[in-house]
């Protein structure tokens, strides 16, 4: 079965990923407005009618800003776990939103795709990553994680595509004009992966089936696209995995497209 993957937006201003088969389209997170989400889909010649649902990784606004409109104006089902729903329901604007509840760790179907949510360490109520696909076409998504736990590594094994956080360059983070406690949070176990940590994780997961890696959630202040790419390519090449293609992602435009 053919899959298509594109990161519509990534960064602190909004995150949204498209994963679709020939019959079923999904959004992972909805940090853009509905209007902007559909505009970027049009660049891929994808109709909004293709979207069957939105799967939510956690409650932070850069992943959820467009949820309410996507459901109330466009009728899209919203899938999240109980912890994320509880957190979002504290926002008065989310009152009355109807949820489809999944259990972290339990796979569930949407159309012809299987979604496998798994727990990740991040400073949110019940954050998750996802593995989405069917058969050999599996896409692993871990956009906000402080550290790659054993569970994260286990769930992401065997994917053809990885969408992995590469948030900051360690030197730029330390030099940034940010409070020390914020730097500690970002670099901590509940924060965000550095470029080096992301590249090392990819090396551990680099089986023969892995074809493409999207680096996501790059910090505008504490990272640069060229640094993220250089770090990933160098570490992968030194480990003998230079064949794997690396794609960057952006806040203001869509990424490359992977078609399996």
C-alpha atoms as a PDB file:
ATOM      1  CA  UNK A   1       0.000   0.000   0.000  1.00  0.00           C
ATOM      2  CA  UNK A   2       1.348   3.398  -0.959  1.00  0.00           C
ATOM      3  CA  UNK A   3       1.830   6.027   1.748  1.00  0.00           C
ATOM      4  CA  UNK A   4       2.500   9.740   1.461  1.00  0.00           C
ATOM      5  CA  UNK A   5       4.146  11.787   4.203  1.00  0.00           C
ATOM      6  CA  UNK A   6       4.665  15.539   4.456  1.00  0.00           C
ATOM      7  CA  UNK A   7       5.360  17.805   7.414  1.00  0.00           C
ATOM      8  CA  UNK A   8       3.025  20.723   6.746  1.00  0.00           C
ATOM      9  CA  UNK A   9       4.557  22.803   9.543  1.00  0.00           C
ATOM     10  CA  UNK A  10       6.989  22.306  12.385  1.00  0.00           C
ATOM     11  CA  UNK A  11       8.245  24.592  15.121  1.00  0.00           C
ATOM     12  CA  UNK A  12       7.060  26.538  18.133  1.00  0.00           C
ATOM     13  CA  UNK A  13       4.606  28.509  15.970  1.00  0.00           C
ATOM     14  CA  UNK A  14       2.725  25.402  14.845  1.00  0.00           C
ATOM     15  CA  UNK A  15       3.067  21.690  14.116  1.00  0.00           C
ATOM     16  CA  UNK A  16       1.085  19.576  11.672  1.00  0.00           C
ATOM     17  CA  UNK A  17       1.966  16.357   9.823  1.00  0.00           C
ATOM     18  CA  UNK A  18       0.103  14.694   6.965  1.00  0.00           C
ATOM     19  CA  UNK A  19       0.214  10.907   6.621  1.00  0.00           C
ATOM     20  CA  UNK A  20      -2.020   9.329   4.018  1.00  0.00           C
ATOM     21  CA  UNK A  21      -2.688   6.149   2.104  1.00  0.00           C
ATOM     22  CA  UNK A  22      -4.560   5.977  -1.177  1.00  0.00           C
ATOM     23  CA  UNK A  23      -7.852   5.932   0.762  1.00  0.00           C
ATOM     24  CA  UNK A  24      -7.201   7.502   4.157  1.00  0.00           C
ATOM     25  CA  UNK A  25      -5.605  10.806   5.106  1.00  0.00           C
ATOM     26  CA  UNK A  26      -4.647  11.736   8.671  1.00  0.00           C
ATOM     27  CA  UNK A  27      -3.295  14.802  10.374  1.00  0.00           C
ATOM     28  CA  UNK A  28      -1.028  14.377  13.353  1.00  0.00           C
ATOM     29  CA  UNK A  29      -1.537  17.515  15.437  1.00  0.00           C
ATOM     30  CA  UNK A  30      -3.139  20.741  14.272  1.00  0.00           C
ATOM     31  CA  UNK A  31      -1.032  23.680  15.342  1.00  0.00           C
ATOM     32  CA  UNK A  32      -1.951  25.787  12.304  1.00  0.00           C
ATOM     33  CA  UNK A  33      -5.272  27.433  11.602  1.00  0.00           C
ATOM     34  CA  UNK A  34      -7.638  25.282   9.582  1.00  0.00           C
ATOM     35  CA  UNK A  35      -7.368  27.739   6.683  1.00  0.00           C
ATOM     36  CA  UNK A  36      -3.571  27.544   6.620  1.00  0.00           C
ATOM     37  CA  UNK A  37      -3.596  23.761   7.035  1.00  0.00           C
ATOM     38  CA  UNK A  38      -5.807  23.351   3.980  1.00  0.00           C
ATOM     39  CA  UNK A  39      -3.791  25.902   2.002  1.00  0.00           C
ATOM     40  CA  UNK A  40      -0.649  23.878   2.548  1.00  0.00           C
ATOM     41  CA  UNK A  41      -2.462  20.661   1.670  1.00  0.00           C
ATOM     42  CA  UNK A  42      -3.469  22.238  -1.634  1.00  0.00           C
ATOM     43  CA  UNK A  43       0.233  22.581  -2.461  1.00  0.00           C
ATOM     44  CA  UNK A  44       0.278  18.773  -2.415  1.00  0.00           C
ATOM     45  CA  UNK A  45      -2.905  18.638  -4.505  1.00  0.00           C
ATOM     46  CA  UNK A  46      -4.723  17.139  -1.529  1.00  0.00           C
ATOM     47  CA  UNK A  47      -8.360  17.964  -0.887  1.00  0.00           C
ATOM     48  CA  UNK A  48      -9.497  18.594   2.706  1.00  0.00           C
ATOM     49  CA  UNK A  49     -12.058  15.865   2.061  1.00  0.00           C
ATOM     50  CA  UNK A  50      -9.230  13.311   2.211  1.00  0.00           C
ATOM     51  CA  UNK A  51      -8.690  13.911   5.920  1.00  0.00           C
ATOM     52  CA  UNK A  52     -10.448  11.297   8.028  1.00  0.00           C
ATOM     53  CA  UNK A  53      -9.248  12.415  11.462  1.00  0.00           C
ATOM     54  CA  UNK A  54      -6.714  14.315  13.551  1.00  0.00           C
ATOM     55  CA  UNK A  55      -4.537  12.439  16.056  1.00  0.00           C
ATOM     56  CA  UNK A  56      -3.243  14.623  18.893  1.00  0.00           C
ATOM     57  CA  UNK A  57       0.140  13.976  20.508  1.00  0.00           C
ATOM     58  CA  UNK A  58      -0.285  16.331  23.491  1.00  0.00           C
ATOM     59  CA  UNK A  59      -2.084  19.460  24.584  1.00  0.00           C
ATOM     60  CA  UNK A  60       0.445  22.248  23.949  1.00  0.00           C
ATOM     61  CA  UNK A  61      -0.947  25.062  21.812  1.00  0.00           C
ATOM     62  CA  UNK A  62       1.602  24.700  19.008  1.00  0.00           C
ATOM     63  CA  UNK A  63       0.083  21.249  18.384  1.00  0.00           C
ATOM     64  CA  UNK A  64      -3.593  22.024  18.998  1.00  0.00           C
ATOM     65  CA  UNK A  65      -4.462  25.604  17.955  1.00  0.00           C
ATOM     66  CA  UNK A  66      -6.567  24.517  14.973  1.00  0.00           C
ATOM     67  CA  UNK A  67      -8.448  21.604  16.555  1.00  0.00           C
ATOM     68  CA  UNK A  68     -11.657  23.388  17.478  1.00  0.00           C
ATOM     69  CA  UNK A  69     -12.230  24.807  14.009  1.00  0.00           C
ATOM     70  CA  UNK A  70     -11.325  21.546  12.286  1.00  0.00           C
ATOM     71  CA  UNK A  71     -14.070  19.790  14.194  1.00  0.00           C
ATOM     72  CA  UNK A  72     -16.783  22.431  14.486  1.00  0.00           C
ATOM     73  CA  UNK A  73     -16.563  23.817  10.957  1.00  0.00           C
ATOM     74  CA  UNK A  74     -15.252  20.806   9.077  1.00  0.00           C
ATOM     75  CA  UNK A  75     -16.553  17.872  11.113  1.00  0.00           C
ATOM     76  CA  UNK A  76     -13.233  16.108  11.583  1.00  0.00           C
ATOM     77  CA  UNK A  77     -13.019  13.489  14.342  1.00  0.00           C
ATOM     78  CA  UNK A  78     -10.371  14.282  16.951  1.00  0.00           C
ATOM     79  CA  UNK A  79      -8.441  11.428  18.579  1.00  0.00           C
ATOM     80  CA  UNK A  80      -6.543  11.846  21.850  1.00  0.00           C
ATOM     81  CA  UNK A  81      -5.885   9.997  25.086  1.00  0.00           C
ATOM     82  CA  UNK A  82      -7.597  10.762  28.387  1.00  0.00           C
ATOM     83  CA  UNK A  83      -4.766  12.851  29.823  1.00  0.00           C
ATOM     84  CA  UNK A  84      -4.553  15.110  26.783  1.00  0.00           C
ATOM     85  CA  UNK A  85      -8.326  15.531  26.664  1.00  0.00           C
ATOM     86  CA  UNK A  86      -8.412  16.446  30.355  1.00  0.00           C
ATOM     87  CA  UNK A  87      -5.742  19.079  29.802  1.00  0.00           C
ATOM     88  CA  UNK A  88      -7.421  20.540  26.718  1.00  0.00           C
ATOM     89  CA  UNK A  89     -10.829  20.664  28.380  1.00  0.00           C
ATOM     90  CA  UNK A  90      -9.431  23.169  30.873  1.00  0.00           C
ATOM     91  CA  UNK A  91      -9.439  25.662  28.006  1.00  0.00           C
ATOM     92  CA  UNK A  92     -12.912  27.258  27.771  1.00  0.00           C
ATOM     93  CA  UNK A  93     -12.606  27.396  23.977  1.00  0.00           C
ATOM     94  CA  UNK A  94     -12.395  23.593  23.868  1.00  0.00           C
ATOM     95  CA  UNK A  95     -15.584  23.046  25.853  1.00  0.00           C
ATOM     96  CA  UNK A  96     -18.102  20.975  23.927  1.00  0.00           C
ATOM     97  CA  UNK A  97     -15.553  19.401  21.593  1.00  0.00           C
ATOM     98  CA  UNK A  98     -16.372  15.737  20.957  1.00  0.00           C
ATOM     99  CA  UNK A  99     -13.444  13.360  21.360  1.00  0.00           C
ATOM    100  CA  UNK A 100     -12.561   9.901  20.183  1.00  0.00           C
ATOM    101  CA  UNK A 101     -10.535   8.459  23.062  1.00  0.00           C
ATOM    102  CA  UNK A 102      -7.616   6.122  22.492  1.00  0.00           C
ATOM    103  CA  UNK A 103      -5.562   4.285  25.098  1.00  0.00           C
ATOM    104  CA  UNK A 104      -1.826   4.876  25.053  1.00  0.00           C
ATOM    105  CA  UNK A 105      -0.154   1.625  24.069  1.00  0.00           C
ATOM    106  CA  UNK A 106      -3.202   0.179  22.291  1.00  0.00           C
ATOM    107  CA  UNK A 107      -3.315   0.268  18.462  1.00  0.00           C
ATOM    108  CA  UNK A 108      -6.518   1.428  16.765  1.00  0.00           C
ATOM    109  CA  UNK A 109      -7.683   1.710  13.126  1.00  0.00           C
ATOM    110  CA  UNK A 110      -8.700   4.753  11.124  1.00  0.00           C
ATOM    111  CA  UNK A 111      -9.735   3.736   7.633  1.00  0.00           C
ATOM    112  CA  UNK A 112      -7.097   1.403   6.245  1.00  0.00           C
ATOM    113  CA  UNK A 113      -4.372   2.717   8.547  1.00  0.00           C
ATOM    114  CA  UNK A 114      -3.330   1.421  11.954  1.00  0.00           C
ATOM    115  CA  UNK A 115      -2.256   3.954  14.562  1.00  0.00           C
ATOM    116  CA  UNK A 116      -0.040   2.838  17.437  1.00  0.00           C
ATOM    117  CA  UNK A 117       0.293   5.474  20.198  1.00  0.00           C
ATOM    118  CA  UNK A 118       3.171   5.100  22.659  1.00  0.00           C
ATOM    119  CA  UNK A 119       4.250   7.069  25.713  1.00  0.00           C
ATOM    120  CA  UNK A 120       7.035   9.636  25.399  1.00  0.00           C
ATOM    121  CA  UNK A 121       8.758  11.793  28.052  1.00  0.00           C
ATOM    122  CA  UNK A 122       7.732  15.445  27.725  1.00  0.00           C
ATOM    123  CA  UNK A 123       6.319  18.114  30.026  1.00  0.00           C
ATOM    124  CA  UNK A 124       2.670  17.464  29.188  1.00  0.00           C
ATOM    125  CA  UNK A 125      -0.168  15.482  30.790  1.00  0.00           C
ATOM    126  CA  UNK A 126       0.027  12.269  28.737  1.00  0.00           C
ATOM    127  CA  UNK A 127       2.210  12.880  25.672  1.00  0.00           C
ATOM    128  CA  UNK A 128       2.547  10.265  22.964  1.00  0.00           C
ATOM    129  CA  UNK A 129       4.338   9.472  19.757  1.00  0.00           C
ATOM    130  CA  UNK A 130       2.748   7.468  16.967  1.00  0.00           C
ATOM    131  CA  UNK A 131       3.576   4.724  14.517  1.00  0.00           C
ATOM    132  CA  UNK A 132       1.188   4.915  11.565  1.00  0.00           C
ATOM    133  CA  UNK A 133       0.829   2.645   8.559  1.00  0.00           C
ATOM    134  CA  UNK A 134       0.050  -0.827   7.359  1.00  0.00           C
ATOM    135  CA  UNK A 135       2.349  -3.776   6.883  1.00  0.00           C
ATOM    136  CA  UNK A 136       5.848  -2.715   5.898  1.00  0.00           C
ATOM    137  CA  UNK A 137       4.915   0.921   5.322  1.00  0.00           C
ATOM    138  CA  UNK A 138       5.335   2.301   8.829  1.00  0.00           C
ATOM    139  CA  UNK A 139       5.916   5.932   9.770  1.00  0.00           C
ATOM    140  CA  UNK A 140       7.302   6.669  13.238  1.00  0.00           C
ATOM    141  CA  UNK A 141       6.596  10.063  14.810  1.00  0.00           C
ATOM    142  CA  UNK A 142       8.248  11.471  17.939  1.00  0.00           C
ATOM    143  CA  UNK A 143       8.037  15.255  17.784  1.00  0.00           C
ATOM    144  CA  UNK A 144       8.444  16.344  21.431  1.00  0.00           C
ATOM    145  CA  UNK A 145      10.605  14.085  23.593  1.00  0.00           C
ATOM    146  CA  UNK A 146      13.147  14.890  26.265  1.00  0.00           C
ATOM    147  CA  UNK A 147      14.994  11.606  25.933  1.00  0.00           C
ATOM    148  CA  UNK A 148      14.693   8.497  23.770  1.00  0.00           C
ATOM    149  CA  UNK A 149      13.612   5.887  26.306  1.00  0.00           C
ATOM    150  CA  UNK A 150      13.798   2.161  25.721  1.00  0.00           C
ATOM    151  CA  UNK A 151      10.091   2.178  24.900  1.00  0.00           C
ATOM    152  CA  UNK A 152      10.540   4.934  22.316  1.00  0.00           C
ATOM    153  CA  UNK A 153      13.366   3.002  20.678  1.00  0.00           C
ATOM    154  CA  UNK A 154      11.376  -0.218  20.662  1.00  0.00           C
ATOM    155  CA  UNK A 155       8.290   1.354  19.100  1.00  0.00           C
ATOM    156  CA  UNK A 156      10.221   3.189  16.389  1.00  0.00           C
ATOM    157  CA  UNK A 157      12.102   0.117  15.187  1.00  0.00           C
ATOM    158  CA  UNK A 158      11.326  -1.136  11.701  1.00  0.00           C
ATOM    159  CA  UNK A 159       9.910   2.105  10.267  1.00  0.00           C
ATOM    160  CA  UNK A 160      10.533   3.223   6.691  1.00  0.00           C
ATOM    161  CA  UNK A 161      10.151   6.853   7.711  1.00  0.00           C
ATOM    162  CA  UNK A 162      11.049   8.568  10.971  1.00  0.00           C
ATOM    163  CA  UNK A 163       9.829  12.006  12.007  1.00  0.00           C
ATOM    164  CA  UNK A 164      12.087  12.903  14.916  1.00  0.00           C
ATOM    165  CA  UNK A 165      12.626  16.013  16.980  1.00  0.00           C
ATOM    166  CA  UNK A 166      15.956  17.797  16.465  1.00  0.00           C
ATOM    167  CA  UNK A 167      15.188  20.831  18.581  1.00  0.00           C
ATOM    168  CA  UNK A 168      18.432  22.545  19.499  1.00  0.00           C
ATOM    169  CA  UNK A 169      22.153  22.766  19.071  1.00  0.00           C
ATOM    170  CA  UNK A 170      23.631  22.286  22.536  1.00  0.00           C
ATOM    171  CA  UNK A 171      26.059  25.210  22.229  1.00  0.00           C
ATOM    172  CA  UNK A 172      23.434  27.607  20.888  1.00  0.00           C
ATOM    173  CA  UNK A 173      21.081  26.631  23.698  1.00  0.00           C
ATOM    174  CA  UNK A 174      23.682  27.430  26.345  1.00  0.00           C
ATOM    175  CA  UNK A 175      24.523  30.758  24.674  1.00  0.00           C
ATOM    176  CA  UNK A 176      20.884  31.792  24.221  1.00  0.00           C
ATOM    177  CA  UNK A 177      19.495  34.736  26.185  1.00  0.00           C
ATOM    178  CA  UNK A 178      17.049  32.593  28.083  1.00  0.00           C
ATOM    179  CA  UNK A 179      16.593  32.026  31.820  1.00  0.00           C
ATOM    180  CA  UNK A 180      18.738  29.219  33.190  1.00  0.00           C
ATOM    181  CA  UNK A 181      15.703  27.271  34.405  1.00  0.00           C
ATOM    182  CA  UNK A 182      14.243  27.321  30.878  1.00  0.00           C
ATOM    183  CA  UNK A 183      17.491  26.034  29.390  1.00  0.00           C
ATOM    184  CA  UNK A 184      17.483  23.254  31.975  1.00  0.00           C
ATOM    185  CA  UNK A 185      13.910  22.333  31.112  1.00  0.00           C
ATOM    186  CA  UNK A 186      14.614  22.218  27.387  1.00  0.00           C
ATOM    187  CA  UNK A 187      17.702  20.041  27.862  1.00  0.00           C
ATOM    188  CA  UNK A 188      16.093  17.850  30.533  1.00  0.00           C
ATOM    189  CA  UNK A 189      14.359  14.480  30.366  1.00  0.00           C
ATOM    190  CA  UNK A 190      10.954  16.122  29.934  1.00  0.00           C
ATOM    191  CA  UNK A 191      12.127  18.668  27.375  1.00  0.00           C
ATOM    192  CA  UNK A 192      13.419  18.391  23.824  1.00  0.00           C
ATOM    193  CA  UNK A 193      16.014  16.369  21.897  1.00  0.00           C
ATOM    194  CA  UNK A 194      19.204  18.042  20.719  1.00  0.00           C
ATOM    195  CA  UNK A 195      20.584  17.643  17.205  1.00  0.00           C
ATOM    196  CA  UNK A 196      23.203  15.195  18.451  1.00  0.00           C
ATOM    197  CA  UNK A 197      20.730  13.118  20.454  1.00  0.00           C
ATOM    198  CA  UNK A 198      18.355  12.954  17.499  1.00  0.00           C
ATOM    199  CA  UNK A 199      21.098  11.802  15.130  1.00  0.00           C
ATOM    200  CA  UNK A 200      22.285   9.139  17.562  1.00  0.00           C
ATOM    201  CA  UNK A 201      18.737   7.888  17.951  1.00  0.00           C
ATOM    202  CA  UNK A 202      18.391   7.578  14.187  1.00  0.00           C
ATOM    203  CA  UNK A 203      21.640   5.599  14.076  1.00  0.00           C
ATOM    204  CA  UNK A 204      20.240   3.137  16.603  1.00  0.00           C
ATOM    205  CA  UNK A 205      17.085   2.743  14.520  1.00  0.00           C
ATOM    206  CA  UNK A 206      18.805   2.583  11.132  1.00  0.00           C
ATOM    207  CA  UNK A 207      17.727  -0.839   9.940  1.00  0.00           C
ATOM    208  CA  UNK A 208      17.664  -1.798   6.266  1.00  0.00           C
ATOM    209  CA  UNK A 209      14.062  -0.612   5.884  1.00  0.00           C
ATOM    210  CA  UNK A 210      14.715   2.985   6.998  1.00  0.00           C
ATOM    211  CA  UNK A 211      14.672   5.310   3.972  1.00  0.00           C
ATOM    212  CA  UNK A 212      13.869   8.823   5.160  1.00  0.00           C
ATOM    213  CA  UNK A 213      14.215  10.924   8.288  1.00  0.00           C
ATOM    214  CA  UNK A 214      12.419  14.236   8.808  1.00  0.00           C
ATOM    215  CA  UNK A 215      14.006  16.476  11.445  1.00  0.00           C
ATOM    216  CA  UNK A 216      11.274  18.435  13.217  1.00  0.00           C
ATOM    217  CA  UNK A 217      10.648  21.067  15.887  1.00  0.00           C
ATOM    218  CA  UNK A 218      13.841  23.027  15.178  1.00  0.00           C
ATOM    219  CA  UNK A 219      14.175  25.967  17.559  1.00  0.00           C
ATOM    220  CA  UNK A 220      14.305  29.366  15.866  1.00  0.00           C
ATOM    221  CA  UNK A 221      16.622  30.757  18.549  1.00  0.00           C
ATOM    222  CA  UNK A 222      18.682  27.726  19.582  1.00  0.00           C
ATOM    223  CA  UNK A 223      19.192  25.931  16.281  1.00  0.00           C
ATOM    224  CA  UNK A 224      19.862  26.447  12.594  1.00  0.00           C
ATOM    225  CA  UNK A 225      18.743  24.296   9.712  1.00  0.00           C
ATOM    226  CA  UNK A 226      22.291  23.911   8.422  1.00  0.00           C
ATOM    227  CA  UNK A 227      23.530  22.792  11.849  1.00  0.00           C
ATOM    228  CA  UNK A 228      20.761  20.221  12.236  1.00  0.00           C
ATOM    229  CA  UNK A 229      21.448  18.813   8.778  1.00  0.00           C
ATOM    230  CA  UNK A 230      25.228  18.823   9.205  1.00  0.00           C
ATOM    231  CA  UNK A 231      25.043  17.071  12.569  1.00  0.00           C
ATOM    232  CA  UNK A 232      22.681  14.384  11.316  1.00  0.00           C
ATOM    233  CA  UNK A 233      24.609  13.714   8.119  1.00  0.00           C
ATOM    234  CA  UNK A 234      27.968  13.562   9.886  1.00  0.00           C
ATOM    235  CA  UNK A 235      26.866  11.197  12.652  1.00  0.00           C
ATOM    236  CA  UNK A 236      24.975   8.946  10.239  1.00  0.00           C
ATOM    237  CA  UNK A 237      27.893   8.827   7.797  1.00  0.00           C
ATOM    238  CA  UNK A 238      30.368   7.980  10.556  1.00  0.00           C
ATOM    239  CA  UNK A 239      28.104   5.112  11.610  1.00  0.00           C
ATOM    240  CA  UNK A 240      27.855   3.784   8.052  1.00  0.00           C
ATOM    241  CA  UNK A 241      24.312   5.008   7.416  1.00  0.00           C
ATOM    242  CA  UNK A 242      25.000   7.734   4.888  1.00  0.00           C
ATOM    243  CA  UNK A 243      22.453   6.226   2.483  1.00  0.00           C
ATOM    244  CA  UNK A 244      19.539   7.485   4.622  1.00  0.00           C
ATOM    245  CA  UNK A 245      18.027  10.676   3.252  1.00  0.00           C
ATOM    246  CA  UNK A 246      17.517  13.533   5.708  1.00  0.00           C
ATOM    247  CA  UNK A 247      14.773  16.129   5.171  1.00  0.00           C
ATOM    248  CA  UNK A 248      14.429  19.406   7.022  1.00  0.00           C
ATOM    249  CA  UNK A 249      11.116  20.896   8.111  1.00  0.00           C
ATOM    250  CA  UNK A 250       9.952  24.482   8.464  1.00  0.00           C
ATOM    251  CA  UNK A 251       7.471  26.713  10.231  1.00  0.00           C
ATOM    252  CA  UNK A 252       6.552  28.750   7.152  1.00  0.00           C
ATOM    253  CA  UNK A 253       6.390  26.119   4.412  1.00  0.00           C
ATOM    254  CA  UNK A 254       5.900  22.429   3.788  1.00  0.00           C
ATOM    255  CA  UNK A 255       8.696  19.886   3.779  1.00  0.00           C
ATOM    256  CA  UNK A 256       9.755  17.492   1.079  1.00  0.00           C
ATOM    257  CA  UNK A 257       7.281  14.700   0.413  1.00  0.00           C
ATOM    258  CA  UNK A 258       8.001  11.006   0.938  1.00  0.00           C
ATOM    259  CA  UNK A 259       5.979   8.525  -1.099  1.00  0.00           C
ATOM    260  CA  UNK A 260       6.310   4.829  -0.342  1.00  0.00           C
END
